[in-house]
Each structure stands twice: as structure tokens, then as C-alpha cells.
Amino acid sequence: MLDKTDDIHPLFAGAPRTTEFRKLRKRIIRETREAVDRYGMVRRGDRWLVCLSGGKDSYTLLAALIELQWRGVLPVDLLACNLDQGQPGFPATVLPEFLERMGVPHRIEYRDTYSIVTDKVPAGRTYCALCSRLRRGNLYRVAREEGCSAVVLGHHRDDILETFFLNLFHGGKIATMPPKLLNDEGDLTVLRPLAHVAEADCARFAQAMGYPIIPCDLCGSQDGLQRQAIKAMLDGWEARSPGRRAKMFSALSQVRPSHLLDPALFDFAALAPGIPLDSPANDAKD
């Protein structure tokens, strides 16, 4: 999979030649391909809108997808897209210059959602929910205008775990970010090919490649976010028991409805002695 010659995409030009970096890159590519295959993300000939924020995760996403496409194992058309949301001080030239230099097809879209968010959200409240909703709506619109069938996001394994605990502790439900879902209108899929990739690997990869990172100064500047608290909790668990995140993520892929409490997923009423567990009466409902 990895290059033994100089026949590489410009995104990987100047990549470190250390054994450590080669292992990191190989792991990210392998885990991305695993997610793409496991969750049936590809329909040959589709066009994907790859959302690029300028953060470490979206750069890693773009590089991994370009790598898979470059090697002939991702038969889709890729269009990178950055939504400039009008945040004060946002370096608007960084991404278009980077994408031009790398030869990546792209679209830069400007929509001042920043003013809307800061106007509508009361002082002391977090911006994330409204900001995310406005961003998603604009990205869906761009995807339709560009003839894309999928909106591709850079959420990684740690985002998925954090969302699970946010829903558990604050939402009162067992749910997280799925690697693949259909939007409410039913005309676009939302894909997360980095679902199996650790955040730490994204950070190491983007730093090693020297990609021009753009921090989010809207929500990232706010204190007291629940997601930050969840991240700190997971960091503490990981420090005390290395590998804890990987175990928890594995659990999300091995759900047993009969050992939970939701009668919509498992027909507890029909469960009785003498009825085989694999009979239709004891199957989980759709």
C-alpha cells in the first residue's frame, strides 16, 4: 500500500521516512479502509464532498482518502470543501492556497454563520449546537449543488466515544455518531471514514506532515463544554488503564440487544421457557 517509489500524491510529498511515521501512516490508511469496507460506504462512481475545516482531523481524512483513491481502492470522485463561517481572524487564504498547491479539486464556500450564532445564543451558553446545525445545512446545500451523493466528515474514534458518553450522561440514551447515516431528506449519506482512527494518530500524522492547522476559535475558545469534561474523563481512564478507549470502542461494535433494556430492540414479552432463543419470537425487532 505505501509507496516504495516516488510515485506519490503531492499531499504526501516530503513525508518523514522514519519507520515510526511509516507505521503510523500505514495504520491510518488500513483503519480508514476497514471502516469504508465494513460500513459499506462506497458506491462506485459516486462523488463525495470531503469537508475540510483546516483542523488535524480533516487534513488526515483528506490525506487518507486521497491515498486510497490514488492506490485505486476508492472508486469515487473527491471534492474538498471548506465552509468559511465568517469567524473574525479566520485565515481565509490558507486552505485554498494549500489545496491549489496540492492539486486537490475543491470549493471554498463563504457563509457568515458566525454572526448568526453569536446573535442567537445567549451569553454563557455554548455555540456548538447551532453552529453545527447551520454548518451542516450549508454543506448539504453545497453537496447537492455539486452533484455529490455523500458528505464526508472527519470525526474519529474519540469523537464517537465522547458522543456516546455525552448521550449516556446528559441525553439519557445509548447512541453515538454512526459511521454512515442517511440525512432526514433521504438524498445524502453522511460518512465518517475515520471512525476507527484514534485522535492521537490524527494529531501525530498532521503534525509530522506539517499541514497548516487552523484552530476553531468559536467553540474552542469557550470554557466548560461538556465534551471537554468527557474528554478529560476518558484521558484519565486511558492513563490509568492503557487501551481502555480501544476496548470501549470495540464494545460499541458488539451490541447484544437481549442484554439491554429496550423492548423495541428485543421482544422480552415473547421470551419464555420452551421457546428456542433463535426462534422468530425471540429475534430482535428491526
C-alpha atoms as a PDB file:
ATOM      1  CA  MET A   1       0.000   0.000   0.000  1.00  0.00           C
ATOM      2  CA  LEU A   2       2.654   2.528   0.957  1.00  0.00           C
ATOM      3  CA  ASP A   3       4.990   3.977  -1.621  1.00  0.00           C
ATOM      4  CA  LYS A   4       8.326   2.331  -2.274  1.00  0.00           C
ATOM      5  CA  THR A   5       8.893   4.686  -5.203  1.00  0.00           C
ATOM      6  CA  ASP A   6       8.498   8.393  -5.752  1.00  0.00           C
ATOM      7  CA  ASP A   7       5.111   7.862  -7.430  1.00  0.00           C
ATOM      8  CA  ILE A   8       3.045   9.532  -4.715  1.00  0.00           C
ATOM      9  CA  HIS A   9       0.375  12.188  -4.478  1.00  0.00           C
ATOM     10  CA  PRO A  10       1.603  15.721  -3.685  1.00  0.00           C
ATOM     11  CA  LEU A  11      -0.212  15.526  -0.324  1.00  0.00           C
ATOM     12  CA  PHE A  12       2.479  13.105   0.801  1.00  0.00           C
ATOM     13  CA  ALA A  13       5.452  14.921  -0.677  1.00  0.00           C
ATOM     14  CA  GLY A  14       8.098  15.421   1.978  1.00  0.00           C
ATOM     15  CA  ALA A  15       6.613  12.795   4.298  1.00  0.00           C
ATOM     16  CA  PRO A  16       9.036  11.647   7.001  1.00  0.00           C
ATOM     17  CA  ARG A  17      10.878   8.479   6.022  1.00  0.00           C
ATOM     18  CA  THR A  18      11.163   7.156   9.546  1.00  0.00           C
ATOM     19  CA  THR A  19       9.901   3.711  10.414  1.00  0.00           C
ATOM     20  CA  GLU A  20       7.653   5.226  13.087  1.00  0.00           C
ATOM     21  CA  PHE A  21       5.909   7.508  10.592  1.00  0.00           C
ATOM     22  CA  ARG A  22       5.524   4.758   8.006  1.00  0.00           C
ATOM     23  CA  LYS A  23       3.813   2.578  10.621  1.00  0.00           C
ATOM     24  CA  LEU A  24       1.549   5.473  11.619  1.00  0.00           C
ATOM     25  CA  ARG A  25       0.577   6.206   8.034  1.00  0.00           C
ATOM     26  CA  LYS A  26       0.000   2.539   7.275  1.00  0.00           C
ATOM     27  CA  ARG A  27      -2.207   2.166  10.355  1.00  0.00           C
ATOM     28  CA  ILE A  28      -4.341   5.190   9.459  1.00  0.00           C
ATOM     29  CA  ILE A  29      -4.802   4.023   5.879  1.00  0.00           C
ATOM     30  CA  ARG A  30      -5.624   0.474   6.984  1.00  0.00           C
ATOM     31  CA  GLU A  31      -8.160   1.605   9.589  1.00  0.00           C
ATOM     32  CA  THR A  32      -9.780   4.026   7.150  1.00  0.00           C
ATOM     33  CA  ARG A  33     -10.154   1.312   4.549  1.00  0.00           C
ATOM     34  CA  GLU A  34     -11.552  -1.053   7.191  1.00  0.00           C
ATOM     35  CA  ALA A  35     -14.270   1.452   8.085  1.00  0.00           C
ATOM     36  CA  VAL A  36     -15.078   2.194   4.445  1.00  0.00           C
ATOM     37  CA  ASP A  37     -15.461  -1.520   3.715  1.00  0.00           C
ATOM     38  CA  ARG A  38     -17.153  -2.574   6.953  1.00  0.00           C
ATOM     39  CA  TYR A  39     -19.913   0.018   6.760  1.00  0.00           C
ATOM     40  CA  GLY A  40     -20.475  -0.186   3.012  1.00  0.00           C
ATOM     41  CA  MET A  41     -19.606   3.426   2.284  1.00  0.00           C
ATOM     42  CA  VAL A  42     -18.649   3.097  -1.379  1.00  0.00           C
ATOM     43  CA  ARG A  43     -20.852   3.021  -4.439  1.00  0.00           C
ATOM     44  CA  ARG A  44     -18.632   3.019  -7.490  1.00  0.00           C
ATOM     45  CA  GLY A  45     -18.801   6.299  -9.407  1.00  0.00           C
ATOM     46  CA  ASP A  46     -20.215   8.368  -6.546  1.00  0.00           C
ATOM     47  CA  ARG A  47     -18.963  11.849  -5.767  1.00  0.00           C
ATOM     48  CA  TRP A  48     -18.018  12.720  -2.190  1.00  0.00           C
ATOM     49  CA  LEU A  49     -17.928  16.169  -0.625  1.00  0.00           C
ATOM     50  CA  VAL A  50     -14.979  15.958   1.770  1.00  0.00           C
ATOM     51  CA  CYS A  51     -15.433  18.601   4.461  1.00  0.00           C
ATOM     52  CA  LEU A  52     -12.190  20.351   5.320  1.00  0.00           C
ATOM     53  CA  SER A  53     -12.104  22.626   8.367  1.00  0.00           C
ATOM     54  CA  GLY A  54      -8.352  23.074   8.485  1.00  0.00           C
ATOM     55  CA  GLY A  55      -8.025  21.035  11.680  1.00  0.00           C
ATOM     56  CA  LYS A  56      -5.812  17.994  12.167  1.00  0.00           C
ATOM     57  CA  ASP A  57      -8.701  15.553  11.707  1.00  0.00           C
ATOM     58  CA  SER A  58      -9.930  16.880   8.383  1.00  0.00           C
ATOM     59  CA  TYR A  59      -6.396  17.022   6.969  1.00  0.00           C
ATOM     60  CA  THR A  60      -5.898  13.392   7.989  1.00  0.00           C
ATOM     61  CA  LEU A  61      -9.246  12.486   6.424  1.00  0.00           C
ATOM     62  CA  LEU A  62      -8.341  14.146   3.127  1.00  0.00           C
ATOM     63  CA  ALA A  63      -4.906  12.515   3.029  1.00  0.00           C
ATOM     64  CA  ALA A  64      -6.283   9.047   3.800  1.00  0.00           C
ATOM     65  CA  LEU A  65      -8.995   9.277   1.134  1.00  0.00           C
ATOM     66  CA  ILE A  66      -6.568  10.667  -1.453  1.00  0.00           C
ATOM     67  CA  GLU A  67      -4.187   7.810  -0.626  1.00  0.00           C
ATOM     68  CA  LEU A  68      -6.896   5.182  -1.111  1.00  0.00           C
ATOM     69  CA  GLN A  69      -8.092   6.832  -4.314  1.00  0.00           C
ATOM     70  CA  TRP A  70      -4.501   7.173  -5.566  1.00  0.00           C
ATOM     71  CA  ARG A  71      -3.950   3.447  -4.999  1.00  0.00           C
ATOM     72  CA  GLY A  72      -7.112   2.559  -6.917  1.00  0.00           C
ATOM     73  CA  VAL A  73      -9.116   1.138  -3.998  1.00  0.00           C
ATOM     74  CA  LEU A  74     -11.571   4.022  -3.546  1.00  0.00           C
ATOM     75  CA  PRO A  75     -13.528   4.326  -6.821  1.00  0.00           C
ATOM     76  CA  VAL A  76     -15.220   7.655  -6.078  1.00  0.00           C
ATOM     77  CA  ASP A  77     -14.691  11.269  -7.092  1.00  0.00           C
ATOM     78  CA  LEU A  78     -13.495  13.535  -4.263  1.00  0.00           C
ATOM     79  CA  LEU A  79     -14.264  17.239  -3.888  1.00  0.00           C
ATOM     80  CA  ALA A  80     -12.765  19.008  -0.869  1.00  0.00           C
ATOM     81  CA  CYS A  81     -14.897  21.775   0.604  1.00  0.00           C
ATOM     82  CA  ASN A  82     -14.211  24.394   3.240  1.00  0.00           C
ATOM     83  CA  LEU A  83     -17.064  26.407   4.694  1.00  0.00           C
ATOM     84  CA  ASP A  84     -15.712  29.793   5.774  1.00  0.00           C
ATOM     85  CA  GLN A  85     -18.169  30.737   8.537  1.00  0.00           C
ATOM     86  CA  GLY A  86     -17.029  34.327   8.905  1.00  0.00           C
ATOM     87  CA  GLN A  87     -15.186  33.953  12.184  1.00  0.00           C
ATOM     88  CA  PRO A  88     -13.083  37.050  12.949  1.00  0.00           C
ATOM     89  CA  GLY A  89      -9.447  36.495  12.113  1.00  0.00           C
ATOM     90  CA  PHE A  90     -10.078  33.334  10.089  1.00  0.00           C
ATOM     91  CA  PRO A  91      -7.119  32.942   7.678  1.00  0.00           C
ATOM     92  CA  ALA A  92      -9.222  32.660   4.540  1.00  0.00           C
ATOM     93  CA  THR A  93      -6.307  32.153   2.141  1.00  0.00           C
ATOM     94  CA  VAL A  94      -4.663  29.195   3.904  1.00  0.00           C
ATOM     95  CA  LEU A  95      -6.879  26.368   2.664  1.00  0.00           C
ATOM     96  CA  PRO A  96      -7.411  27.483  -0.943  1.00  0.00           C
ATOM     97  CA  GLU A  97      -3.662  28.047  -1.349  1.00  0.00           C
ATOM     98  CA  PHE A  98      -2.906  24.656   0.208  1.00  0.00           C
ATOM     99  CA  LEU A  99      -5.450  22.806  -1.940  1.00  0.00           C
ATOM    100  CA  GLU A 100      -4.273  24.543  -5.108  1.00  0.00           C
ATOM    101  CA  ARG A 101      -0.680  23.627  -4.330  1.00  0.00           C
ATOM    102  CA  MET A 102      -1.650  20.011  -3.659  1.00  0.00           C
ATOM    103  CA  GLY A 103      -3.730  19.761  -6.835  1.00  0.00           C
ATOM    104  CA  VAL A 104      -6.876  18.792  -4.913  1.00  0.00           C
ATOM    105  CA  PRO A 105     -10.239  19.682  -6.523  1.00  0.00           C
ATOM    106  CA  HIS A 106     -12.053  21.942  -4.094  1.00  0.00           C
ATOM    107  CA  ARG A 107     -14.720  24.520  -3.394  1.00  0.00           C
ATOM    108  CA  ILE A 108     -14.480  27.318  -0.842  1.00  0.00           C
ATOM    109  CA  GLU A 109     -17.891  28.480   0.367  1.00  0.00           C
ATOM    110  CA  TYR A 110     -18.422  31.648   2.411  1.00  0.00           C
ATOM    111  CA  ARG A 111     -21.433  31.941   4.720  1.00  0.00           C
ATOM    112  CA  ASP A 112     -21.392  34.205   7.773  1.00  0.00           C
ATOM    113  CA  THR A 113     -22.928  31.793  10.270  1.00  0.00           C
ATOM    114  CA  TYR A 114     -20.691  33.248  12.990  1.00  0.00           C
ATOM    115  CA  SER A 115     -22.820  36.382  13.291  1.00  0.00           C
ATOM    116  CA  ILE A 116     -25.990  34.315  13.475  1.00  0.00           C
ATOM    117  CA  VAL A 117     -24.599  32.089  16.221  1.00  0.00           C
ATOM    118  CA  THR A 118     -23.258  34.915  18.369  1.00  0.00           C
ATOM    119  CA  ASP A 119     -26.544  36.840  17.927  1.00  0.00           C
ATOM    120  CA  LYS A 120     -28.891  33.948  18.712  1.00  0.00           C
ATOM    121  CA  VAL A 121     -27.043  32.129  21.504  1.00  0.00           C
ATOM    122  CA  PRO A 122     -27.470  33.773  24.946  1.00  0.00           C
ATOM    123  CA  ALA A 123     -24.371  34.817  26.854  1.00  0.00           C
ATOM    124  CA  GLY A 124     -22.810  31.958  28.751  1.00  0.00           C
ATOM    125  CA  ARG A 125     -24.316  29.247  26.528  1.00  0.00           C
ATOM    126  CA  THR A 126     -22.221  27.119  24.187  1.00  0.00           C
ATOM    127  CA  TYR A 127     -22.316  27.699  20.453  1.00  0.00           C
ATOM    128  CA  CYS A 128     -21.821  24.125  19.267  1.00  0.00           C
ATOM    129  CA  ALA A 129     -25.398  23.006  18.608  1.00  0.00           C
ATOM    130  CA  LEU A 130     -26.487  25.978  16.486  1.00  0.00           C
ATOM    131  CA  CYS A 131     -23.113  26.305  14.779  1.00  0.00           C
ATOM    132  CA  SER A 132     -23.182  22.626  13.835  1.00  0.00           C
ATOM    133  CA  ARG A 133     -26.749  22.833  12.520  1.00  0.00           C
ATOM    134  CA  LEU A 134     -26.003  25.857  10.323  1.00  0.00           C
ATOM    135  CA  ARG A 135     -22.778  24.326   9.061  1.00  0.00           C
ATOM    136  CA  ARG A 136     -24.488  21.046   8.225  1.00  0.00           C
ATOM    137  CA  GLY A 137     -27.278  22.782   6.320  1.00  0.00           C
ATOM    138  CA  ASN A 138     -24.811  24.708   4.185  1.00  0.00           C
ATOM    139  CA  LEU A 139     -22.699  21.627   3.493  1.00  0.00           C
ATOM    140  CA  TYR A 140     -25.804  19.695   2.417  1.00  0.00           C
ATOM    141  CA  ARG A 141     -26.677  22.523   0.053  1.00  0.00           C
ATOM    142  CA  VAL A 142     -23.171  22.587  -1.450  1.00  0.00           C
ATOM    143  CA  ALA A 143     -23.219  18.789  -1.848  1.00  0.00           C
ATOM    144  CA  ARG A 144     -26.448  18.985  -3.829  1.00  0.00           C
ATOM    145  CA  GLU A 145     -25.156  21.821  -5.991  1.00  0.00           C
ATOM    146  CA  GLU A 146     -22.006  19.851  -6.776  1.00  0.00           C
ATOM    147  CA  GLY A 147     -23.811  16.607  -7.565  1.00  0.00           C
ATOM    148  CA  CYS A 148     -22.373  14.789  -4.551  1.00  0.00           C
ATOM    149  CA  SER A 149     -24.107  11.798  -3.008  1.00  0.00           C
ATOM    150  CA  ALA A 150     -22.219  11.903   0.296  1.00  0.00           C
ATOM    151  CA  VAL A 151     -20.990  14.454   2.820  1.00  0.00           C
ATOM    152  CA  VAL A 152     -17.783  13.120   4.375  1.00  0.00           C
ATOM    153  CA  LEU A 153     -16.734  14.262   7.852  1.00  0.00           C
ATOM    154  CA  GLY A 154     -13.503  13.921   9.817  1.00  0.00           C
ATOM    155  CA  HIS A 155     -14.913  12.568  13.087  1.00  0.00           C
ATOM    156  CA  HIS A 156     -12.601   9.927  14.549  1.00  0.00           C
ATOM    157  CA  ARG A 157     -12.837   7.138  17.125  1.00  0.00           C
ATOM    158  CA  ASP A 158     -12.516   9.507  20.102  1.00  0.00           C
ATOM    159  CA  ASP A 159     -15.314  11.770  18.827  1.00  0.00           C
ATOM    160  CA  ILE A 160     -17.558   8.714  18.621  1.00  0.00           C
ATOM    161  CA  LEU A 161     -16.701   7.609  22.152  1.00  0.00           C
ATOM    162  CA  GLU A 162     -17.169  11.102  23.577  1.00  0.00           C
ATOM    163  CA  THR A 163     -20.566  11.406  21.888  1.00  0.00           C
ATOM    164  CA  PHE A 164     -21.589   8.051  23.346  1.00  0.00           C
ATOM    165  CA  PHE A 165     -20.843   9.251  26.878  1.00  0.00           C
ATOM    166  CA  LEU A 166     -22.447  12.645  26.258  1.00  0.00           C
ATOM    167  CA  ASN A 167     -25.657  10.863  25.256  1.00  0.00           C
ATOM    168  CA  LEU A 168     -25.338   8.458  28.190  1.00  0.00           C
ATOM    169  CA  PHE A 169     -24.700  11.083  30.875  1.00  0.00           C
ATOM    170  CA  HIS A 170     -26.661  14.042  29.534  1.00  0.00           C
ATOM    171  CA  GLY A 171     -29.092  12.692  26.936  1.00  0.00           C
ATOM    172  CA  GLY A 172     -30.312   9.608  28.759  1.00  0.00           C
ATOM    173  CA  LYS A 173     -29.883   7.342  25.743  1.00  0.00           C
ATOM    174  CA  ILE A 174     -27.493   4.823  24.211  1.00  0.00           C
ATOM    175  CA  ALA A 175     -26.406   6.454  20.957  1.00  0.00           C
ATOM    176  CA  THR A 176     -23.382   7.935  19.231  1.00  0.00           C
ATOM    177  CA  MET A 177     -22.164   9.204  15.858  1.00  0.00           C
ATOM    178  CA  PRO A 178     -22.752   6.407  13.338  1.00  0.00           C
ATOM    179  CA  PRO A 179     -20.081   5.854  10.680  1.00  0.00           C
ATOM    180  CA  LYS A 180     -22.776   6.050   7.995  1.00  0.00           C
ATOM    181  CA  LEU A 181     -26.255   7.565   8.048  1.00  0.00           C
ATOM    182  CA  LEU A 182     -28.902   8.952   5.731  1.00  0.00           C
ATOM    183  CA  ASN A 183     -29.923  12.590   6.115  1.00  0.00           C
ATOM    184  CA  ASP A 184     -33.502  13.462   7.003  1.00  0.00           C
ATOM    185  CA  GLU A 185     -34.370  14.260   3.384  1.00  0.00           C
ATOM    186  CA  GLY A 186     -33.041  10.883   2.268  1.00  0.00           C
ATOM    187  CA  ASP A 187     -30.928  12.219  -0.586  1.00  0.00           C
ATOM    188  CA  LEU A 188     -27.461  12.290   1.011  1.00  0.00           C
ATOM    189  CA  THR A 189     -25.385   9.925   3.093  1.00  0.00           C
ATOM    190  CA  VAL A 190     -23.129  11.239   5.848  1.00  0.00           C
ATOM    191  CA  LEU A 191     -19.890   9.264   6.120  1.00  0.00           C
ATOM    192  CA  ARG A 192     -17.189   9.123   8.793  1.00  0.00           C
ATOM    193  CA  PRO A 193     -14.309   7.097   7.307  1.00  0.00           C
ATOM    194  CA  LEU A 194     -12.019   7.869  10.283  1.00  0.00           C
ATOM    195  CA  ALA A 195     -14.389   6.049  12.653  1.00  0.00           C
ATOM    196  CA  HIS A 196     -11.683   3.519  13.588  1.00  0.00           C
ATOM    197  CA  VAL A 197      -8.808   6.030  13.790  1.00  0.00           C
ATOM    198  CA  ALA A 198      -7.558   7.390  17.129  1.00  0.00           C
ATOM    199  CA  GLU A 199      -7.416  11.157  17.620  1.00  0.00           C
ATOM    200  CA  ALA A 200      -3.802  10.899  18.771  1.00  0.00           C
ATOM    201  CA  ASP A 201      -2.863   9.314  15.449  1.00  0.00           C
ATOM    202  CA  CYS A 202      -4.548  12.165  13.550  1.00  0.00           C
ATOM    203  CA  ALA A 203      -2.584  14.680  15.607  1.00  0.00           C
ATOM    204  CA  ARG A 204       0.744  12.919  15.086  1.00  0.00           C
ATOM    205  CA  PHE A 205       0.115  12.496  11.381  1.00  0.00           C
ATOM    206  CA  ALA A 206      -0.902  16.108  10.666  1.00  0.00           C
ATOM    207  CA  GLN A 207       1.996  17.443  12.732  1.00  0.00           C
ATOM    208  CA  ALA A 208       4.533  15.183  11.023  1.00  0.00           C
ATOM    209  CA  MET A 209       3.261  16.283   7.605  1.00  0.00           C
ATOM    210  CA  GLY A 210       3.385  19.953   8.571  1.00  0.00           C
ATOM    211  CA  TYR A 211      -0.134  20.682   7.360  1.00  0.00           C
ATOM    212  CA  PRO A 212      -1.250  24.289   8.066  1.00  0.00           C
ATOM    213  CA  ILE A 213      -3.576  23.777  11.044  1.00  0.00           C
ATOM    214  CA  ILE A 214      -6.372  26.324  11.569  1.00  0.00           C
ATOM    215  CA  PRO A 215      -7.831  26.244  15.111  1.00  0.00           C
ATOM    216  CA  CYS A 216     -11.556  26.725  15.725  1.00  0.00           C
ATOM    217  CA  ASP A 217     -11.788  29.952  17.712  1.00  0.00           C
ATOM    218  CA  LEU A 218     -15.566  29.890  18.005  1.00  0.00           C
ATOM    219  CA  CYS A 219     -16.353  26.899  20.226  1.00  0.00           C
ATOM    220  CA  GLY A 220     -12.748  26.123  21.095  1.00  0.00           C
ATOM    221  CA  SER A 221     -12.477  29.384  22.997  1.00  0.00           C
ATOM    222  CA  GLN A 222     -15.394  28.560  25.299  1.00  0.00           C
ATOM    223  CA  ASP A 223     -14.808  27.073  28.738  1.00  0.00           C
ATOM    224  CA  GLY A 224     -16.881  24.439  30.476  1.00  0.00           C
ATOM    225  CA  LEU A 225     -18.016  22.450  27.455  1.00  0.00           C
ATOM    226  CA  GLN A 226     -19.413  19.048  28.439  1.00  0.00           C
ATOM    227  CA  ARG A 227     -17.366  17.410  25.682  1.00  0.00           C
ATOM    228  CA  GLN A 228     -14.191  18.753  27.268  1.00  0.00           C
ATOM    229  CA  ALA A 229     -15.193  17.167  30.562  1.00  0.00           C
ATOM    230  CA  ILE A 230     -15.870  13.830  28.862  1.00  0.00           C
ATOM    231  CA  LYS A 231     -12.523  14.004  27.067  1.00  0.00           C
ATOM    232  CA  ALA A 232     -10.742  14.640  30.371  1.00  0.00           C
ATOM    233  CA  MET A 233     -12.541  11.661  31.916  1.00  0.00           C
ATOM    234  CA  LEU A 234     -11.504   9.372  29.055  1.00  0.00           C
ATOM    235  CA  ASP A 235      -7.941  10.683  29.202  1.00  0.00           C
ATOM    236  CA  GLY A 236      -7.821   9.799  32.887  1.00  0.00           C
ATOM    237  CA  TRP A 237      -9.131   6.290  32.271  1.00  0.00           C
ATOM    238  CA  GLU A 238      -6.650   5.783  29.439  1.00  0.00           C
ATOM    239  CA  ALA A 239      -3.747   6.967  31.606  1.00  0.00           C
ATOM    240  CA  ARG A 240      -4.659   4.503  34.361  1.00  0.00           C
ATOM    241  CA  SER A 241      -5.532   1.629  32.019  1.00  0.00           C
ATOM    242  CA  PRO A 242      -3.878   1.957  28.596  1.00  0.00           C
ATOM    243  CA  GLY A 243      -6.068   0.527  25.851  1.00  0.00           C
ATOM    244  CA  ARG A 244      -9.332   1.439  27.603  1.00  0.00           C
ATOM    245  CA  ARG A 245     -10.543   3.543  24.650  1.00  0.00           C
ATOM    246  CA  ALA A 246      -9.969   0.684  22.206  1.00  0.00           C
ATOM    247  CA  LYS A 247     -11.935  -1.705  24.449  1.00  0.00           C
ATOM    248  CA  MET A 248     -14.861   0.705  24.774  1.00  0.00           C
ATOM    249  CA  PHE A 249     -14.930   1.310  21.041  1.00  0.00           C
ATOM    250  CA  SER A 250     -14.929  -2.431  20.412  1.00  0.00           C
ATOM    251  CA  ALA A 251     -17.943  -2.717  22.709  1.00  0.00           C
ATOM    252  CA  LEU A 252     -19.909  -0.316  20.506  1.00  0.00           C
ATOM    253  CA  SER A 253     -19.449  -2.804  17.661  1.00  0.00           C
ATOM    254  CA  GLN A 254     -20.630  -5.806  19.694  1.00  0.00           C
ATOM    255  CA  VAL A 255     -24.080  -4.861  20.964  1.00  0.00           C
ATOM    256  CA  ARG A 256     -26.352  -7.574  22.407  1.00  0.00           C
ATOM    257  CA  PRO A 257     -29.954  -6.288  22.379  1.00  0.00           C
ATOM    258  CA  SER A 258     -31.113  -9.191  24.550  1.00  0.00           C
ATOM    259  CA  HIS A 259     -28.809  -7.961  27.313  1.00  0.00           C
ATOM    260  CA  LEU A 260     -30.056  -4.376  27.325  1.00  0.00           C
ATOM    261  CA  LEU A 261     -33.435  -2.971  28.399  1.00  0.00           C
ATOM    262  CA  ASP A 262     -35.149  -1.770  25.214  1.00  0.00           C
ATOM    263  CA  PRO A 263     -38.215  -3.857  24.249  1.00  0.00           C
ATOM    264  CA  ALA A 264     -38.213  -2.160  20.854  1.00  0.00           C
ATOM    265  CA  LEU A 265     -34.940  -3.953  20.097  1.00  0.00           C
ATOM    266  CA  PHE A 266     -35.706  -7.304  21.729  1.00  0.00           C
ATOM    267  CA  ASP A 267     -39.062  -8.986  22.327  1.00  0.00           C
ATOM    268  CA  PHE A 268     -38.798  -9.684  26.053  1.00  0.00           C
ATOM    269  CA  ALA A 269     -42.530 -10.428  26.281  1.00  0.00           C
ATOM    270  CA  ALA A 270     -42.173 -13.420  23.973  1.00  0.00           C
ATOM    271  CA  LEU A 271     -39.201 -14.812  25.899  1.00  0.00           C
ATOM    272  CA  ALA A 272     -40.363 -17.936  27.748  1.00  0.00           C
ATOM    273  CA  PRO A 273     -39.172 -21.438  28.676  1.00  0.00           C
ATOM    274  CA  GLY A 274     -39.542 -23.913  25.853  1.00  0.00           C
ATOM    275  CA  ILE A 275     -39.216 -21.304  23.093  1.00  0.00           C
ATOM    276  CA  PRO A 276     -35.842 -21.558  21.333  1.00  0.00           C
ATOM    277  CA  LEU A 277     -33.776 -18.396  21.684  1.00  0.00           C
ATOM    278  CA  ASP A 278     -33.261 -18.287  17.922  1.00  0.00           C
ATOM    279  CA  SER A 279     -36.958 -18.505  17.087  1.00  0.00           C
ATOM    280  CA  PRO A 280     -38.717 -15.554  15.422  1.00  0.00           C
ATOM    281  CA  ALA A 281     -40.412 -14.751  18.711  1.00  0.00           C
ATOM    282  CA  ASN A 282     -37.068 -14.108  20.322  1.00  0.00           C
ATOM    283  CA  ASP A 283     -35.371 -12.263  17.477  1.00  0.00           C
ATOM    284  CA  ALA A 284     -34.580  -8.598  17.892  1.00  0.00           C
ATOM    285  CA  LYS A 285     -37.040  -6.363  16.091  1.00  0.00           C
ATOM    286  CA  ASP A 286     -35.956  -4.155  13.227  1.00  0.00           C
END
